[in-house]
Amino acid sequence: MEWSSLHQSAVQTITSIIAKLHERGVTITVDHGIDHICYRCPSDQHYRALSMLLSEHAHLLHESMIDGRLVSIRKLTTAFLVQSRSIPCIELSAPKQNNTHPE
């Protein structure tokens, strides 16, 4: 995955979530902060590859094993901007053992 693809996917996903909430009568204003998004990797290999990619665009704040999988929080050098919202961090999680996530 390239940075431009990840960035575009993140912005589209957040925009879609906000629109779906609005359709259900839930208004998310700019005052409602979104401090991070989470990307669940489909495999450990994908986690490692994405970690390498993010190392060029984000500073690692924390990484640890949680419930048998690696989870990290990274502060983006340039925050995602979505509908006047600045989202400064991304959480990256590997799949739990014997479990995968579709990409």
C-alpha atoms as a PDB file:
ATOM      1  CA  MET A   1       0.000   0.000   0.000  1.00  0.00           C
ATOM      2  CA  GLU A   2       1.239   3.480  -0.799  1.00  0.00           C
ATOM      3  CA  TRP A   3       0.843   6.519   1.435  1.00  0.00           C
ATOM      4  CA  SER A   4      -1.515   8.273  -1.002  1.00  0.00           C
ATOM      5  CA  SER A   5      -3.811   5.206  -1.026  1.00  0.00           C
ATOM      6  CA  LEU A   6      -3.835   4.967   2.772  1.00  0.00           C
ATOM      7  CA  HIS A   7      -4.479   8.703   3.123  1.00  0.00           C
ATOM      8  CA  GLN A   8      -7.307   8.663   0.568  1.00  0.00           C
ATOM      9  CA  SER A   9      -8.891   5.572   2.127  1.00  0.00           C
ATOM     10  CA  ALA A  10      -8.782   7.105   5.616  1.00  0.00           C
ATOM     11  CA  VAL A  11     -10.398  10.363   4.491  1.00  0.00           C
ATOM     12  CA  GLN A  12     -13.095   8.515   2.518  1.00  0.00           C
ATOM     13  CA  THR A  13     -13.867   6.176   5.426  1.00  0.00           C
ATOM     14  CA  ILE A  14     -14.176   8.977   7.969  1.00  0.00           C
ATOM     15  CA  THR A  15     -16.323  11.032   5.573  1.00  0.00           C
ATOM     16  CA  SER A  16     -18.589   8.009   5.029  1.00  0.00           C
ATOM     17  CA  ILE A  17     -18.956   7.355   8.769  1.00  0.00           C
ATOM     18  CA  ILE A  18     -19.876  10.987   9.442  1.00  0.00           C
ATOM     19  CA  ALA A  19     -22.448  10.893   6.602  1.00  0.00           C
ATOM     20  CA  LYS A  20     -23.998   7.639   7.886  1.00  0.00           C
ATOM     21  CA  LEU A  21     -24.268   9.043  11.390  1.00  0.00           C
ATOM     22  CA  HIS A  22     -25.906  12.184   9.991  1.00  0.00           C
ATOM     23  CA  GLU A  23     -28.435  10.030   8.068  1.00  0.00           C
ATOM     24  CA  ARG A  24     -29.380   8.451  11.400  1.00  0.00           C
ATOM     25  CA  GLY A  25     -29.879  11.838  13.050  1.00  0.00           C
ATOM     26  CA  VAL A  26     -26.506  12.001  14.806  1.00  0.00           C
ATOM     27  CA  THR A  27     -24.742  15.293  14.177  1.00  0.00           C
ATOM     28  CA  ILE A  28     -20.989  15.353  14.562  1.00  0.00           C
ATOM     29  CA  THR A  29     -19.811  18.950  14.746  1.00  0.00           C
ATOM     30  CA  VAL A  30     -16.246  20.152  14.382  1.00  0.00           C
ATOM     31  CA  ASP A  31     -16.289  20.624  18.167  1.00  0.00           C
ATOM     32  CA  HIS A  32     -16.565  16.830  18.512  1.00  0.00           C
ATOM     33  CA  GLY A  33     -12.904  15.964  18.282  1.00  0.00           C
ATOM     34  CA  ILE A  34     -11.708  12.869  16.480  1.00  0.00           C
ATOM     35  CA  ASP A  35      -8.255  12.243  17.874  1.00  0.00           C
ATOM     36  CA  HIS A  36      -7.365   9.115  15.906  1.00  0.00           C
ATOM     37  CA  ILE A  37      -8.515   6.475  13.482  1.00  0.00           C
ATOM     38  CA  CYS A  38      -7.846   2.762  13.756  1.00  0.00           C
ATOM     39  CA  TYR A  39      -6.593   0.575  10.918  1.00  0.00           C
ATOM     40  CA  ARG A  40      -6.910  -3.155  11.563  1.00  0.00           C
ATOM     41  CA  CYS A  41      -4.409  -5.085   9.474  1.00  0.00           C
ATOM     42  CA  PRO A  42      -5.433  -8.393   7.882  1.00  0.00           C
ATOM     43  CA  SER A  43      -2.108 -10.093   8.724  1.00  0.00           C
ATOM     44  CA  ASP A  44       1.097  -9.661  10.719  1.00  0.00           C
ATOM     45  CA  GLN A  45       2.970  -9.207   7.441  1.00  0.00           C
ATOM     46  CA  HIS A  46       0.640  -6.350   6.478  1.00  0.00           C
ATOM     47  CA  TYR A  47       1.129  -4.798   9.936  1.00  0.00           C
ATOM     48  CA  ARG A  48       4.917  -4.830   9.468  1.00  0.00           C
ATOM     49  CA  ALA A  49       4.696  -3.375   5.956  1.00  0.00           C
ATOM     50  CA  LEU A  50       2.309  -0.638   7.041  1.00  0.00           C
ATOM     51  CA  SER A  51       4.501   0.122  10.054  1.00  0.00           C
ATOM     52  CA  MET A  52       7.419   0.694   7.687  1.00  0.00           C
ATOM     53  CA  LEU A  53       5.297   2.967   5.482  1.00  0.00           C
ATOM     54  CA  LEU A  54       4.020   4.939   8.474  1.00  0.00           C
ATOM     55  CA  SER A  55       7.559   5.399   9.797  1.00  0.00           C
ATOM     56  CA  GLU A  56       8.025   7.852   6.906  1.00  0.00           C
ATOM     57  CA  HIS A  57       4.832   9.815   7.735  1.00  0.00           C
ATOM     58  CA  ALA A  58       4.304   9.466  11.473  1.00  0.00           C
ATOM     59  CA  HIS A  59       6.159   9.338  14.780  1.00  0.00           C
ATOM     60  CA  LEU A  60       5.689   6.181  16.857  1.00  0.00           C
ATOM     61  CA  LEU A  61       4.174   7.153  20.213  1.00  0.00           C
ATOM     62  CA  HIS A  62       3.612   3.674  21.624  1.00  0.00           C
ATOM     63  CA  GLU A  63       3.610   0.024  20.576  1.00  0.00           C
ATOM     64  CA  SER A  64       2.727  -2.945  22.752  1.00  0.00           C
ATOM     65  CA  MET A  65       1.204  -6.402  22.796  1.00  0.00           C
ATOM     66  CA  ILE A  66      -2.506  -6.299  23.637  1.00  0.00           C
ATOM     67  CA  ASP A  67      -4.489  -9.551  23.737  1.00  0.00           C
ATOM     68  CA  GLY A  68      -1.806 -11.359  21.763  1.00  0.00           C
ATOM     69  CA  ARG A  69      -1.376  -8.806  18.970  1.00  0.00           C
ATOM     70  CA  LEU A  70       0.740  -5.744  18.322  1.00  0.00           C
ATOM     71  CA  VAL A  71      -1.024  -2.389  18.568  1.00  0.00           C
ATOM     72  CA  SER A  72       0.668   0.938  17.939  1.00  0.00           C
ATOM     73  CA  ILE A  73      -0.289   4.604  18.061  1.00  0.00           C
ATOM     74  CA  ARG A  74       1.474   7.017  15.721  1.00  0.00           C
ATOM     75  CA  LYS A  75       1.289  10.794  15.458  1.00  0.00           C
ATOM     76  CA  LEU A  76       1.075  11.840  11.825  1.00  0.00           C
ATOM     77  CA  THR A  77       3.529  14.472  10.615  1.00  0.00           C
ATOM     78  CA  THR A  78       0.583  15.985   8.727  1.00  0.00           C
ATOM     79  CA  ALA A  79      -2.818  15.296  10.261  1.00  0.00           C
ATOM     80  CA  PHE A  80      -5.662  13.881   8.187  1.00  0.00           C
ATOM     81  CA  LEU A  81      -8.057  16.717   7.354  1.00  0.00           C
ATOM     82  CA  VAL A  82     -11.695  15.695   7.010  1.00  0.00           C
ATOM     83  CA  GLN A  83     -14.488  18.265   6.760  1.00  0.00           C
ATOM     84  CA  SER A  84     -12.544  20.889   8.744  1.00  0.00           C
ATOM     85  CA  ARG A  85     -11.463  18.272  11.315  1.00  0.00           C
ATOM     86  CA  SER A  86      -7.839  17.574  12.069  1.00  0.00           C
ATOM     87  CA  ILE A  87      -7.150  13.933  12.985  1.00  0.00           C
ATOM     88  CA  PRO A  88      -3.572  13.782  14.265  1.00  0.00           C
ATOM     89  CA  CYS A  89      -3.061  10.087  15.062  1.00  0.00           C
ATOM     90  CA  ILE A  90      -3.506   6.615  13.633  1.00  0.00           C
ATOM     91  CA  GLU A  91      -3.806   3.389  15.606  1.00  0.00           C
ATOM     92  CA  LEU A  92      -2.495   0.338  13.812  1.00  0.00           C
ATOM     93  CA  SER A  93      -3.445  -3.137  15.021  1.00  0.00           C
ATOM     94  CA  ALA A  94      -2.305  -6.554  13.908  1.00  0.00           C
ATOM     95  CA  PRO A  95      -4.859  -9.369  13.946  1.00  0.00           C
ATOM     96  CA  LYS A  96      -5.283 -11.447  17.080  1.00  0.00           C
ATOM     97  CA  GLN A  97      -3.774 -14.917  16.897  1.00  0.00           C
ATOM     98  CA  ASN A  98      -5.841 -17.264  14.706  1.00  0.00           C
ATOM     99  CA  ASN A  99      -7.917 -14.307  13.498  1.00  0.00           C
ATOM    100  CA  THR A 100      -7.724 -12.120  10.404  1.00  0.00           C
ATOM    101  CA  HIS A 101      -9.435  -8.940   9.286  1.00  0.00           C
ATOM    102  CA  PRO A 102     -10.466  -8.309   5.696  1.00  0.00           C
ATOM    103  CA  GLU A 103      -8.603  -5.372   4.172  1.00  0.00           C
END
